[in-house]
PDB file of N, CA and C in Angstrom:
ATOM      1  N   MET A   1      63.563 123.569 118.080  1.00  0.00           N
ATOM      2  CA  MET A   1      64.698 123.394 117.204  1.00  0.00           C
ATOM      3  C   MET A   1      64.701 121.992 116.593  1.00  0.00           C
ATOM      4  N   LYS A   2      64.335 120.974 117.414  1.00  0.00           N
ATOM      5  CA  LYS A   2      64.314 119.611 116.893  1.00  0.00           C
ATOM      6  C   LYS A   2      63.260 119.441 115.805  1.00  0.00           C
ATOM      7  N   LYS A   3      62.140 120.123 115.951  1.00  0.00           N
ATOM      8  CA  LYS A   3      61.074 120.019 114.954  1.00  0.00           C
ATOM      9  C   LYS A   3      61.491 120.645 113.631  1.00  0.00           C
ATOM     10  N   PHE A   4      62.442 121.544 113.676  1.00  0.00           N
ATOM     11  CA  PHE A   4      62.925 122.205 112.468  1.00  0.00           C
ATOM     12  C   PHE A   4      63.965 121.340 111.749  1.00  0.00           C
ATOM     13  N   ILE A   5      64.820 120.667 112.506  1.00  0.00           N
ATOM     14  CA  ILE A   5      65.914 119.897 111.915  1.00  0.00           C
ATOM     15  C   ILE A   5      65.470 118.501 111.498  1.00  0.00           C
ATOM     16  N   LEU A   6      64.503 117.923 112.183  1.00  0.00           N
ATOM     17  CA  LEU A   6      64.079 116.553 111.920  1.00  0.00           C
ATOM     18  C   LEU A   6      63.632 116.313 110.477  1.00  0.00           C
ATOM     19  N   PRO A   7      62.813 117.165 109.860  1.00  0.00           N
ATOM     20  CA  PRO A   7      62.450 116.912 108.453  1.00  0.00           C
ATOM     21  C   PRO A   7      63.643 116.971 107.497  1.00  0.00           C
ATOM     22  N   PHE A   8      64.572 117.869 107.757  1.00  0.00           N
ATOM     23  CA  PHE A   8      65.753 117.947 106.893  1.00  0.00           C
ATOM     24  C   PHE A   8      66.624 116.698 107.022  1.00  0.00           C
ATOM     25  N   ALA A   9      66.740 116.180 108.229  1.00  0.00           N
ATOM     26  CA  ALA A   9      67.509 114.958 108.437  1.00  0.00           C
ATOM     27  C   ALA A   9      66.836 113.776 107.757  1.00  0.00           C
ATOM     28  N   ALA A  10      65.522 113.702 107.832  1.00  0.00           N
ATOM     29  CA  ALA A  10      64.794 112.614 107.188  1.00  0.00           C
ATOM     30  C   ALA A  10      64.950 112.665 105.670  1.00  0.00           C
ATOM     31  N   VAL A  11      64.863 113.842 105.091  1.00  0.00           N
ATOM     32  CA  VAL A  11      65.041 113.988 103.641  1.00  0.00           C
ATOM     33  C   VAL A  11      66.468 113.630 103.236  1.00  0.00           C
ATOM     34  N   ALA A  12      67.431 114.052 104.031  1.00  0.00           N
ATOM     35  CA  ALA A  12      68.827 113.741 103.716  1.00  0.00           C
ATOM     36  C   ALA A  12      69.082 112.243 103.781  1.00  0.00           C
ATOM     37  N   MET A  13      68.503 111.575 104.776  1.00  0.00           N
ATOM     38  CA  MET A  13      68.688 110.124 104.888  1.00  0.00           C
ATOM     39  C   MET A  13      68.005 109.387 103.742  1.00  0.00           C
ATOM     40  N   ALA A  14      66.858 109.875 103.301  1.00  0.00           N
ATOM     41  CA  ALA A  14      66.152 109.222 102.220  1.00  0.00           C
ATOM     42  C   ALA A  14      66.799 109.496 100.865  1.00  0.00           C
ATOM     43  N   ALA A  15      67.400 110.658 100.693  1.00  0.00           N
ATOM     44  CA  ALA A  15      67.953 111.039  99.393  1.00  0.00           C
ATOM     45  C   ALA A  15      69.378 110.550  99.190  1.00  0.00           C
ATOM     46  N   THR A  16      70.076 110.177 100.228  1.00  0.00           N
ATOM     47  CA  THR A  16      71.482 109.791 100.095  1.00  0.00           C
ATOM     48  C   THR A  16      71.684 108.604  99.158  1.00  0.00           C
ATOM     49  N   PRO A  17      70.956 107.493  99.288  1.00  0.00           N
ATOM     50  CA  PRO A  17      71.176 106.384  98.346  1.00  0.00           C
ATOM     51  C   PRO A  17      70.844 106.749  96.901  1.00  0.00           C
ATOM     52  N   VAL A  18      69.836 107.572  96.706  1.00  0.00           N
ATOM     53  CA  VAL A  18      69.449 107.977  95.350  1.00  0.00           C
ATOM     54  C   VAL A  18      70.550 108.808  94.715  1.00  0.00           C
ATOM     55  N   VAL A  19      71.102 109.730  95.466  1.00  0.00           N
ATOM     56  CA  VAL A  19      72.163 110.584  94.950  1.00  0.00           C
ATOM     57  C   VAL A  19      73.428 109.768  94.688  1.00  0.00           C
ATOM     58  N   ALA A  20      73.697 108.804  95.542  1.00  0.00           N
ATOM     59  CA  ALA A  20      74.910 108.005  95.378  1.00  0.00           C
ATOM     60  C   ALA A  20      74.839 107.119  94.139  1.00  0.00           C
ATOM     61  N   THR A  21      73.680 106.564  93.831  1.00  0.00           N
ATOM     62  CA  THR A  21      73.568 105.710  92.647  1.00  0.00           C
ATOM     63  C   THR A  21      73.415 106.520  91.374  1.00  0.00           C
ATOM     64  N   ALA A  22      72.928 107.730  91.470  1.00  0.00           N
ATOM     65  CA  ALA A  22      72.705 108.535  90.270  1.00  0.00           C
ATOM     66  C   ALA A  22      74.007 109.096  89.708  1.00  0.00           C
ATOM     67  N   ALA A  23      74.997 109.277  90.536  1.00  0.00           N
ATOM     68  CA  ALA A  23      76.248 109.867  90.069  1.00  0.00           C
ATOM     69  C   ALA A  23      77.162 108.770  89.531  1.00  0.00           C
ATOM     70  N   ASP A  24      77.389 108.791  88.233  1.00  0.00           N
ATOM     71  CA  ASP A  24      78.309 107.846  87.617  1.00  0.00           C
ATOM     72  C   ASP A  24      79.697 108.477  87.582  1.00  0.00           C
ATOM     73  N   ALA A  25      80.622 107.844  88.230  1.00  0.00           N
ATOM     74  CA  ALA A  25      81.982 108.370  88.288  1.00  0.00           C
ATOM     75  C   ALA A  25      82.754 107.897  87.063  1.00  0.00           C
ATOM     76  N   GLN A  26      83.423 108.815  86.425  1.00  0.00           N
ATOM     77  CA  GLN A  26      84.250 108.481  85.280  1.00  0.00           C
ATOM     78  C   GLN A  26      85.698 108.479  85.730  1.00  0.00           C
ATOM     79  N   ARG A  27      86.384 107.395  85.458  1.00  0.00           N
ATOM     80  CA  ARG A  27      87.771 107.292  85.863  1.00  0.00           C
ATOM     81  C   ARG A  27      88.667 107.346  84.636  1.00  0.00           C
ATOM     82  N   SER A  28      89.763 107.987  84.830  1.00  0.00           N
ATOM     83  CA  SER A  28      90.757 107.976  83.776  1.00  0.00           C
ATOM     84  C   SER A  28      91.961 107.212  84.300  1.00  0.00           C
ATOM     85  N   SER A  29      92.391 106.243  83.558  1.00  0.00           N
ATOM     86  CA  SER A  29      93.512 105.435  84.030  1.00  0.00           C
ATOM     87  C   SER A  29      94.823 106.099  83.642  1.00  0.00           C
ATOM     88  N   GLN A  30      95.754 106.027  84.553  1.00  0.00           N
ATOM     89  CA  GLN A  30      97.080 106.571  84.303  1.00  0.00           C
ATOM     90  C   GLN A  30      98.104 105.506  84.646  1.00  0.00           C
ATOM     91  N   PRO A  31      99.206 105.506  83.939  1.00  0.00           N
ATOM     92  CA  PRO A  31     100.219 104.494  84.229  1.00  0.00           C
ATOM     93  C   PRO A  31     100.844 104.719  85.611  1.00  0.00           C
ATOM     94  N   VAL A  32     101.117 103.616  86.283  1.00  0.00           N
ATOM     95  CA  VAL A  32     101.717 103.678  87.610  1.00  0.00           C
ATOM     96  C   VAL A  32     103.228 103.649  87.436  1.00  0.00           C
ATOM     97  N   GLU A  33     103.874 104.742  87.811  1.00  0.00           N
ATOM     98  CA  GLU A  33     105.317 104.821  87.639  1.00  0.00           C
ATOM     99  C   GLU A  33     106.047 104.941  88.973  1.00  0.00           C
ATOM    100  N   GLU A  34     105.387 105.466  89.989  1.00  0.00           N
ATOM    101  CA  GLU A  34     106.071 105.748  91.234  1.00  0.00           C
ATOM    102  C   GLU A  34     105.790 104.718  92.325  1.00  0.00           C
ATOM    103  N   SER A  35     105.169 103.610  92.014  1.00  0.00           N
ATOM    104  CA  SER A  35     104.832 102.649  93.055  1.00  0.00           C
ATOM    105  C   SER A  35     106.081 101.963  93.600  1.00  0.00           C
ATOM    106  N   ALA A  36     107.091 101.772  92.766  1.00  0.00           N
ATOM    107  CA  ALA A  36     108.312 101.126  93.241  1.00  0.00           C
ATOM    108  C   ALA A  36     109.057 102.017  94.231  1.00  0.00           C
ATOM    109  N   GLU A  37     108.985 103.315  94.046  1.00  0.00           N
ATOM    110  CA  GLU A  37     109.649 104.230  94.960  1.00  0.00           C
ATOM    111  C   GLU A  37     108.962 104.260  96.318  1.00  0.00           C
ATOM    112  N   LEU A  38     107.655 104.126  96.323  1.00  0.00           N
ATOM    113  CA  LEU A  38     106.920 104.168  97.577  1.00  0.00           C
ATOM    114  C   LEU A  38     107.113 102.892  98.382  1.00  0.00           C
ATOM    115  N   ALA A  39     107.349 101.778  97.733  1.00  0.00           N
ATOM    116  CA  ALA A  39     107.494 100.513  98.449  1.00  0.00           C
ATOM    117  C   ALA A  39     108.725 100.523  99.342  1.00  0.00           C
ATOM    118  N   GLY A  40     109.793 101.127  98.905  1.00  0.00           N
ATOM    119  CA  GLY A  40     111.000 101.173  99.715  1.00  0.00           C
ATOM    120  C   GLY A  40     110.844 102.013 100.962  1.00  0.00           C
ATOM    121  N   SER A  41     110.169 103.136 100.856  1.00  0.00           N
ATOM    122  CA  SER A  41     110.011 104.003 102.014  1.00  0.00           C
ATOM    123  C   SER A  41     109.057 103.401 103.029  1.00  0.00           C
ATOM    124  N   SER A  42     108.045 102.668 102.584  1.00  0.00           N
ATOM    125  CA  SER A  42     107.126 102.054 103.535  1.00  0.00           C
ATOM    126  C   SER A  42     107.814 100.927 104.296  1.00  0.00           C
ATOM    127  N   LEU A  43     108.750 100.259 103.660  1.00  0.00           N
ATOM    128  CA  LEU A  43     109.500  99.206 104.340  1.00  0.00           C
ATOM    129  C   LEU A  43     110.387  99.804 105.430  1.00  0.00           C
ATOM    130  N   ILE A  44     110.999 100.934 105.135  1.00  0.00           N
ATOM    131  CA  ILE A  44     111.839 101.608 106.124  1.00  0.00           C
ATOM    132  C   ILE A  44     110.991 102.092 107.295  1.00  0.00           C
ATOM    133  N   ILE A  45     109.834 102.645 107.007  1.00  0.00           N
ATOM    134  CA  ILE A  45     108.949 103.125 108.066  1.00  0.00           C
ATOM    135  C   ILE A  45     108.476 101.965 108.931  1.00  0.00           C
ATOM    136  N   ALA A  46     108.144 100.839 108.327  1.00  0.00           N
ATOM    137  CA  ALA A  46     107.701  99.671 109.087  1.00  0.00           C
ATOM    138  C   ALA A  46     108.829  99.143 109.970  1.00  0.00           C
ATOM    139  N   ALA A  47     110.057  99.134 109.450  1.00  0.00           N
ATOM    140  CA  ALA A  47     111.194  98.667 110.244  1.00  0.00           C
ATOM    141  C   ALA A  47     111.465  99.600 111.416  1.00  0.00           C
ATOM    142  N   LEU A  48     111.372 100.903 111.192  1.00  0.00           N
ATOM    143  CA  LEU A  48     111.558 101.858 112.288  1.00  0.00           C
ATOM    144  C   LEU A  48     110.452 101.740 113.336  1.00  0.00           C
ATOM    145  N   ALA A  49     109.230 101.513 112.902  1.00  0.00           N
ATOM    146  CA  ALA A  49     108.126 101.340 113.841  1.00  0.00           C
ATOM    147  C   ALA A  49     108.313 100.083 114.675  1.00  0.00           C
ATOM    148  N   ALA A  50     108.750  98.997 114.037  1.00  0.00           N
ATOM    149  CA  ALA A  50     108.998  97.757 114.771  1.00  0.00           C
ATOM    150  C   ALA A  50     110.135  97.943 115.770  1.00  0.00           C
ATOM    151  N   ALA A  51     111.180  98.652 115.373  1.00  0.00           N
ATOM    152  CA  ALA A  51     112.295  98.907 116.290  1.00  0.00           C
ATOM    153  C   ALA A  51     111.843  99.755 117.473  1.00  0.00           C
ATOM    154  N   ALA A  52     110.972 100.727 117.228  1.00  0.00           N
ATOM    155  CA  ALA A  52     110.472 101.575 118.315  1.00  0.00           C
ATOM    156  C   ALA A  52     109.622 100.771 119.288  1.00  0.00           C
ATOM    157  N   VAL A  53     108.808  99.856 118.775  1.00  0.00           N
ATOM    158  CA  VAL A  53     107.982  99.019 119.646  1.00  0.00           C
ATOM    159  C   VAL A  53     108.859  98.098 120.484  1.00  0.00           C
ATOM    160  N   ILE A  54     109.851  97.497 119.861  1.00  0.00           N
ATOM    161  CA  ILE A  54     110.755  96.608 120.598  1.00  0.00           C
ATOM    162  C   ILE A  54     111.530  97.379 121.653  1.00  0.00           C
ATOM    163  N   ALA A  55     112.018  98.563 121.313  1.00  0.00           N
ATOM    164  CA  ALA A  55     112.744  99.379 122.285  1.00  0.00           C
ATOM    165  C   ALA A  55     111.834  99.782 123.446  1.00  0.00           C
ATOM    166  N   GLY A  56     110.591 100.093 123.162  1.00  0.00           N
ATOM    167  CA  GLY A  56     109.640 100.431 124.217  1.00  0.00           C
ATOM    168  C   GLY A  56     109.384  99.267 125.151  1.00  0.00           C
ATOM    169  N   ILE A  57     109.277  98.068 124.591  1.00  0.00           N
ATOM    170  CA  ILE A  57     109.069  96.886 125.426  1.00  0.00           C
ATOM    171  C   ILE A  57     110.288  96.622 126.303  1.00  0.00           C
ATOM    172  N   ILE A  58     111.478  96.780 125.741  1.00  0.00           N
ATOM    173  CA  ILE A  58     112.707  96.551 126.518  1.00  0.00           C
ATOM    174  C   ILE A  58     112.824  97.560 127.647  1.00  0.00           C
ATOM    175  N   VAL A  59     112.533  98.819 127.370  1.00  0.00           N
ATOM    176  CA  VAL A  59     112.624  99.851 128.404  1.00  0.00           C
ATOM    177  C   VAL A  59     111.579  99.605 129.488  1.00  0.00           C
ATOM    178  N   ALA A  60     110.374  99.204 129.089  1.00  0.00           N
ATOM    179  CA  ALA A  60     109.314  98.972 130.070  1.00  0.00           C
ATOM    180  C   ALA A  60     109.591  97.737 130.922  1.00  0.00           C
ATOM    181  N   ALA A  61     110.222  96.722 130.332  1.00  0.00           N
ATOM    182  CA  ALA A  61     110.476  95.482 131.060  1.00  0.00           C
ATOM    183  C   ALA A  61     111.798  95.520 131.824  1.00  0.00           C
ATOM    184  N   ASP A  62     112.615  96.534 131.586  1.00  0.00           N
ATOM    185  CA  ASP A  62     113.909  96.631 132.262  1.00  0.00           C
ATOM    186  C   ASP A  62     113.672  96.884 133.750  1.00  0.00           C
ATOM    187  N   ASP A  63     114.156  95.969 134.566  1.00  0.00           N
ATOM    188  CA  ASP A  63     113.891  96.059 136.001  1.00  0.00           C
ATOM    189  C   ASP A  63     115.202  95.970 136.780  1.00  0.00           C
ATOM    190  N   ASP A  64     116.204  96.719 136.389  1.00  0.00           N
ATOM    191  CA  ASP A  64     117.507  96.704 137.050  1.00  0.00           C
ATOM    192  C   ASP A  64     117.582  97.800 138.109  1.00  0.00           C
ATOM    193  N   ASP A  65     116.608  97.833 138.964  1.00  0.00           N
ATOM    194  CA  ASP A  65     116.592  98.845 140.024  1.00  0.00           C
ATOM    195  C   ASP A  65     117.311  98.275 141.237  1.00  0.00           C
ATOM    196  N   ASP A  66     118.532  98.763 141.497  1.00  0.00           N
ATOM    197  CA  ASP A  66     119.331  98.257 142.610  1.00  0.00           C
ATOM    198  C   ASP A  66     119.019  98.950 143.923  1.00  0.00           C
ATOM    199  N   ASP A  67     118.225  99.992 143.903  1.00  0.00           N
ATOM    200  CA  ASP A  67     117.905 100.708 145.131  1.00  0.00           C
ATOM    201  C   ASP A  67     116.641 100.122 145.747  1.00  0.00           C
ATOM    202  N   PHE A  68     116.822  99.062 146.516  1.00  0.00           N
ATOM    203  CA  PHE A  68     115.695  98.434 147.167  1.00  0.00           C
ATOM    204  C   PHE A  68     115.314  99.225 148.412  1.00  0.00           C
ATOM    205  N   PRO A  69     114.032  99.346 148.677  1.00  0.00           N
ATOM    206  CA  PRO A  69     113.628 100.079 149.873  1.00  0.00           C
ATOM    207  C   PRO A  69     114.030  99.316 151.139  1.00  0.00           C
ATOM    208  N   VAL A  70     114.546 100.042 152.085  1.00  0.00           N
ATOM    209  CA  VAL A  70     114.995  99.431 153.337  1.00  0.00           C
ATOM    210  C   VAL A  70     114.271 100.137 154.471  1.00  0.00           C
ATOM    211  N   SER A  71     113.683  99.343 155.344  1.00  0.00           N
ATOM    212  CA  SER A  71     113.039  99.953 156.508  1.00  0.00           C
ATOM    213  C   SER A  71     114.064 100.119 157.612  1.00  0.00           C
ATOM    214  N   ALA A  72     114.018 101.242 158.289  1.00  0.00           N
ATOM    215  CA  ALA A  72     115.022 101.508 159.313  1.00  0.00           C
ATOM    216  C   ALA A  72     114.471 101.327 160.697  1.00  0.00           C
TER     217      ALA A  72
END
């Protein structure tokens, strides 16, 4: 099985740079209209993520365990 796949892998590795440089991508520019709307939502998501991290740290560091083990 390896003898069958090895030549195909070698050809694919050799042809990849040629195929990548041969394809010229054409871009069409469009006006950006919705970028201002996305900026507000990303700020809210970042604030919620920061609050979740802080809450996790507080819960993990909370050590108010009043039930100390007592040997009898």
